[in-house]
């Protein structure tokens, strides 16, 4: 099953976050496995930060989060890192 982007505000409506195109959760089926957001301010303003947050995986690895220049690059790198991590743990995609 492909990974799906969903606005964080739609995933967690009780949080009251504004509905934007700059803050996303990444889903594999019903499971939240990561997040992608656009950096606002500072030296990397406008770049995209992604991280694998799948709770089944335990501790993060140094290669399970990055800041990159585009949303497409963030989606691609997150997918690669998440698939590598679930392979290490012997898990599979939904």
N, C-alpha and C. Protein backbone atom coordinates (compact mmCIF):
# COMPACT_ATOMS: atom_id res chain seq x y z
N UNK A 1 0.85 -1.18 0.00
CA UNK A 1 0.00 0.00 0.00
C UNK A 1 0.89 1.24 0.00
N UNK A 2 0.56 2.22 -0.81
CA UNK A 2 1.38 3.43 -0.83
C UNK A 2 1.25 4.22 0.48
N UNK A 3 2.27 4.99 0.75
CA UNK A 3 2.19 5.90 1.89
C UNK A 3 1.32 7.09 1.50
N UNK A 4 0.54 7.57 2.46
CA UNK A 4 -0.42 8.64 2.21
C UNK A 4 -0.07 9.85 3.07
N UNK A 5 -0.11 11.03 2.46
CA UNK A 5 0.04 12.28 3.21
C UNK A 5 -1.34 12.76 3.64
N UNK A 6 -1.43 13.20 4.88
CA UNK A 6 -2.68 13.79 5.39
C UNK A 6 -2.31 15.01 6.22
N UNK A 7 -3.05 16.06 6.05
CA UNK A 7 -2.77 17.26 6.85
C UNK A 7 -2.85 16.92 8.34
N UNK A 8 -1.90 17.42 9.09
CA UNK A 8 -1.89 17.17 10.54
C UNK A 8 -3.18 17.65 11.19
N UNK A 9 -3.71 18.78 10.74
CA UNK A 9 -4.95 19.31 11.30
C UNK A 9 -6.12 18.36 11.06
N UNK A 10 -6.12 17.64 9.95
CA UNK A 10 -7.19 16.68 9.67
C UNK A 10 -7.02 15.40 10.48
N UNK A 11 -5.78 14.99 10.70
CA UNK A 11 -5.51 13.78 11.47
C UNK A 11 -5.83 13.99 12.95
N UNK A 12 -5.54 15.18 13.45
CA UNK A 12 -5.72 15.49 14.87
C UNK A 12 -6.60 16.73 15.04
N UNK A 13 -7.88 16.65 14.69
CA UNK A 13 -8.73 17.84 14.74
C UNK A 13 -8.87 18.43 16.15
N UNK A 14 -8.77 17.59 17.15
CA UNK A 14 -8.89 18.07 18.54
C UNK A 14 -7.76 19.02 18.94
N UNK A 15 -6.66 19.00 18.19
CA UNK A 15 -5.53 19.88 18.50
C UNK A 15 -5.83 21.34 18.15
N UNK A 16 -6.77 21.56 17.24
CA UNK A 16 -7.11 22.93 16.87
C UNK A 16 -6.08 23.61 15.98
N UNK A 17 -5.22 22.84 15.32
CA UNK A 17 -4.20 23.41 14.44
C UNK A 17 -4.85 23.98 13.18
N UNK A 18 -4.26 25.01 12.60
CA UNK A 18 -4.78 25.52 11.33
C UNK A 18 -4.55 24.49 10.22
N UNK A 19 -5.45 24.46 9.26
CA UNK A 19 -5.34 23.52 8.14
C UNK A 19 -4.44 24.16 7.08
N UNK A 20 -3.22 23.65 6.93
CA UNK A 20 -2.24 24.24 6.02
C UNK A 20 -1.67 23.18 5.08
N UNK A 21 -0.91 23.65 4.11
CA UNK A 21 -0.19 22.75 3.19
C UNK A 21 1.27 22.62 3.60
N UNK A 22 1.58 22.92 4.87
CA UNK A 22 2.97 22.89 5.33
C UNK A 22 3.21 21.96 6.51
N UNK A 23 2.18 21.23 6.95
CA UNK A 23 2.33 20.33 8.11
C UNK A 23 1.53 19.06 7.86
N UNK A 24 2.24 17.95 7.70
CA UNK A 24 1.62 16.69 7.26
C UNK A 24 2.01 15.54 8.19
N UNK A 25 1.13 14.55 8.27
CA UNK A 25 1.49 13.26 8.82
C UNK A 25 1.53 12.29 7.64
N UNK A 26 2.29 11.22 7.80
CA UNK A 26 2.43 10.22 6.75
C UNK A 26 1.85 8.93 7.30
N UNK A 27 0.93 8.32 6.53
CA UNK A 27 0.22 7.13 6.96
C UNK A 27 0.56 5.93 6.10
N UNK A 28 0.62 4.77 6.73
CA UNK A 28 0.62 3.49 6.04
C UNK A 28 -0.63 2.79 6.54
N UNK A 29 -1.67 2.78 5.72
CA UNK A 29 -2.98 2.33 6.20
C UNK A 29 -3.42 3.29 7.31
N UNK A 30 -3.89 2.78 8.44
CA UNK A 30 -4.32 3.66 9.53
C UNK A 30 -3.18 4.12 10.44
N UNK A 31 -1.98 3.56 10.25
CA UNK A 31 -0.85 3.81 11.14
C UNK A 31 -0.07 5.06 10.73
N UNK A 32 0.07 6.03 11.66
CA UNK A 32 0.93 7.18 11.41
C UNK A 32 2.37 6.71 11.52
N UNK A 33 3.15 6.90 10.46
CA UNK A 33 4.52 6.40 10.46
C UNK A 33 5.56 7.52 10.33
N UNK A 34 5.09 8.76 10.14
CA UNK A 34 6.06 9.84 10.01
C UNK A 34 5.38 11.19 9.92
N UNK A 35 6.23 12.21 9.80
CA UNK A 35 5.72 13.57 9.66
C UNK A 35 6.63 14.35 8.72
N UNK A 36 6.02 15.33 8.05
CA UNK A 36 6.74 16.24 7.17
C UNK A 36 6.19 17.63 7.42
N UNK A 37 7.08 18.59 7.61
CA UNK A 37 6.62 19.97 7.79
C UNK A 37 7.62 20.94 7.18
N UNK A 38 7.10 22.07 6.76
CA UNK A 38 7.96 23.11 6.20
C UNK A 38 8.47 23.98 7.34
N UNK A 39 9.76 24.22 7.33
CA UNK A 39 10.40 25.03 8.37
C UNK A 39 10.01 26.48 8.17
N UNK A 40 9.62 27.12 9.26
CA UNK A 40 9.23 28.53 9.23
C UNK A 40 10.26 29.35 10.00
N UNK A 41 11.11 30.07 9.32
CA UNK A 41 12.11 30.91 9.96
C UNK A 41 13.46 30.24 10.11
N UNK A 42 14.44 31.02 10.52
CA UNK A 42 15.78 30.51 10.76
C UNK A 42 16.56 30.27 9.49
N UNK A 43 17.74 29.67 9.62
CA UNK A 43 18.62 29.51 8.47
C UNK A 43 18.11 28.53 7.41
N UNK A 44 17.18 27.67 7.74
CA UNK A 44 16.63 26.73 6.75
C UNK A 44 15.17 27.05 6.43
N UNK A 45 14.79 28.30 6.59
CA UNK A 45 13.42 28.74 6.30
C UNK A 45 12.97 28.26 4.94
N UNK A 46 11.78 27.69 4.87
CA UNK A 46 11.21 27.23 3.61
C UNK A 46 11.59 25.82 3.22
N UNK A 47 12.58 25.25 3.88
CA UNK A 47 12.95 23.87 3.59
C UNK A 47 11.97 22.93 4.31
N UNK A 48 12.08 21.65 4.03
CA UNK A 48 11.15 20.64 4.56
C UNK A 48 11.86 19.69 5.49
N UNK A 49 11.29 19.50 6.66
CA UNK A 49 11.84 18.58 7.67
C UNK A 49 10.94 17.34 7.72
N UNK A 50 11.57 16.16 7.62
CA UNK A 50 10.80 14.92 7.71
C UNK A 50 11.40 14.05 8.81
N UNK A 51 10.57 13.18 9.38
CA UNK A 51 11.06 12.21 10.36
C UNK A 51 10.16 10.99 10.38
N UNK A 52 10.78 9.83 10.60
CA UNK A 52 10.06 8.58 10.80
C UNK A 52 9.66 8.54 12.26
N UNK A 53 8.35 8.40 12.52
CA UNK A 53 7.86 8.42 13.90
C UNK A 53 7.05 7.18 14.25
N UNK A 54 7.15 6.13 13.45
CA UNK A 54 6.40 4.89 13.68
C UNK A 54 6.72 4.34 15.06
N UNK A 55 5.74 4.33 15.94
CA UNK A 55 5.95 3.93 17.34
C UNK A 55 6.38 2.48 17.49
N UNK A 56 6.14 1.65 16.49
CA UNK A 56 6.54 0.24 16.58
C UNK A 56 8.05 0.06 16.45
N UNK A 57 8.77 1.10 16.04
CA UNK A 57 10.18 0.95 15.68
C UNK A 57 11.17 1.28 16.79
N UNK A 58 10.73 1.81 17.90
CA UNK A 58 11.66 2.13 18.97
C UNK A 58 12.51 3.35 18.63
N UNK A 59 13.73 3.34 19.09
CA UNK A 59 14.63 4.50 18.99
C UNK A 59 14.90 4.89 17.54
N UNK A 60 15.00 6.20 17.32
CA UNK A 60 15.33 6.72 15.99
C UNK A 60 16.77 6.40 15.64
N UNK A 61 17.05 6.34 14.38
CA UNK A 61 18.40 6.21 13.86
C UNK A 61 18.79 7.56 13.27
N UNK A 62 20.09 7.83 13.15
CA UNK A 62 20.50 9.12 12.59
C UNK A 62 19.96 9.40 11.19
N UNK A 63 19.65 8.38 10.43
CA UNK A 63 19.17 8.57 9.07
C UNK A 63 17.64 8.53 8.97
N UNK A 64 16.93 8.62 10.10
CA UNK A 64 15.47 8.60 10.06
C UNK A 64 14.84 9.98 10.20
N UNK A 65 15.63 11.01 9.99
CA UNK A 65 15.11 12.38 9.97
C UNK A 65 16.11 13.25 9.21
N UNK A 66 15.60 14.24 8.50
CA UNK A 66 16.44 15.14 7.71
C UNK A 66 15.68 16.42 7.41
N UNK A 67 16.41 17.41 6.92
CA UNK A 67 15.84 18.63 6.34
C UNK A 67 16.31 18.69 4.89
N UNK A 68 15.35 18.86 3.97
CA UNK A 68 15.64 18.85 2.54
C UNK A 68 14.96 20.04 1.87
N UNK A 69 15.22 20.23 0.59
CA UNK A 69 14.77 21.44 -0.08
C UNK A 69 13.35 21.41 -0.62
N UNK A 70 12.74 20.22 -0.77
CA UNK A 70 11.40 20.19 -1.36
C UNK A 70 10.51 19.14 -0.67
N UNK A 71 9.21 19.34 -0.82
CA UNK A 71 8.25 18.38 -0.28
C UNK A 71 8.41 17.02 -0.96
N UNK A 72 8.60 17.01 -2.27
CA UNK A 72 8.78 15.74 -2.98
C UNK A 72 10.01 14.99 -2.48
N UNK A 73 11.09 15.71 -2.26
CA UNK A 73 12.31 15.08 -1.74
C UNK A 73 12.07 14.52 -0.33
N UNK A 74 11.33 15.26 0.48
CA UNK A 74 11.02 14.80 1.84
C UNK A 74 10.19 13.52 1.79
N UNK A 75 9.18 13.48 0.91
CA UNK A 75 8.34 12.28 0.79
C UNK A 75 9.17 11.07 0.36
N UNK A 76 10.03 11.27 -0.62
CA UNK A 76 10.86 10.18 -1.13
C UNK A 76 11.83 9.65 -0.06
N UNK A 77 12.54 10.56 0.60
CA UNK A 77 13.52 10.13 1.61
C UNK A 77 12.86 9.49 2.82
N UNK A 78 11.71 10.02 3.25
CA UNK A 78 11.01 9.41 4.37
C UNK A 78 10.59 7.98 4.02
N UNK A 79 10.05 7.78 2.84
CA UNK A 79 9.61 6.45 2.42
C UNK A 79 10.78 5.46 2.42
N UNK A 80 11.91 5.87 1.90
CA UNK A 80 13.09 5.00 1.86
C UNK A 80 13.54 4.66 3.28
N UNK A 81 13.64 5.67 4.14
CA UNK A 81 14.10 5.43 5.51
C UNK A 81 13.13 4.56 6.29
N UNK A 82 11.83 4.80 6.14
CA UNK A 82 10.84 3.99 6.85
C UNK A 82 10.88 2.54 6.39
N UNK A 83 10.97 2.31 5.10
CA UNK A 83 11.02 0.93 4.58
C UNK A 83 12.30 0.23 5.05
N UNK A 84 13.38 0.95 5.14
CA UNK A 84 14.62 0.37 5.67
C UNK A 84 14.44 -0.03 7.13
N UNK A 85 13.80 0.85 7.93
CA UNK A 85 13.59 0.57 9.36
C UNK A 85 12.65 -0.61 9.58
N UNK A 86 11.56 -0.69 8.82
CA UNK A 86 10.64 -1.82 9.05
C UNK A 86 11.29 -3.13 8.61
N UNK A 87 12.17 -3.07 7.60
CA UNK A 87 12.90 -4.27 7.20
C UNK A 87 13.83 -4.73 8.32
N UNK A 88 14.50 -3.78 8.97
CA UNK A 88 15.39 -4.12 10.10
C UNK A 88 14.62 -4.82 11.23
N UNK A 89 13.37 -4.39 11.43
CA UNK A 89 12.57 -4.91 12.54
C UNK A 89 11.74 -6.14 12.13
N UNK A 90 11.81 -6.51 10.86
CA UNK A 90 11.03 -7.66 10.39
C UNK A 90 9.54 -7.37 10.29
N UNK A 91 9.19 -6.09 10.12
CA UNK A 91 7.79 -5.70 9.97
C UNK A 91 7.46 -5.54 8.49
N UNK A 92 6.18 -5.42 8.18
CA UNK A 92 5.80 -5.23 6.78
C UNK A 92 4.82 -4.07 6.66
N UNK A 93 4.67 -3.62 5.42
CA UNK A 93 3.72 -2.56 5.14
C UNK A 93 2.31 -3.13 5.21
N UNK A 94 1.35 -2.23 5.45
CA UNK A 94 -0.07 -2.64 5.45
C UNK A 94 -0.50 -2.78 4.02
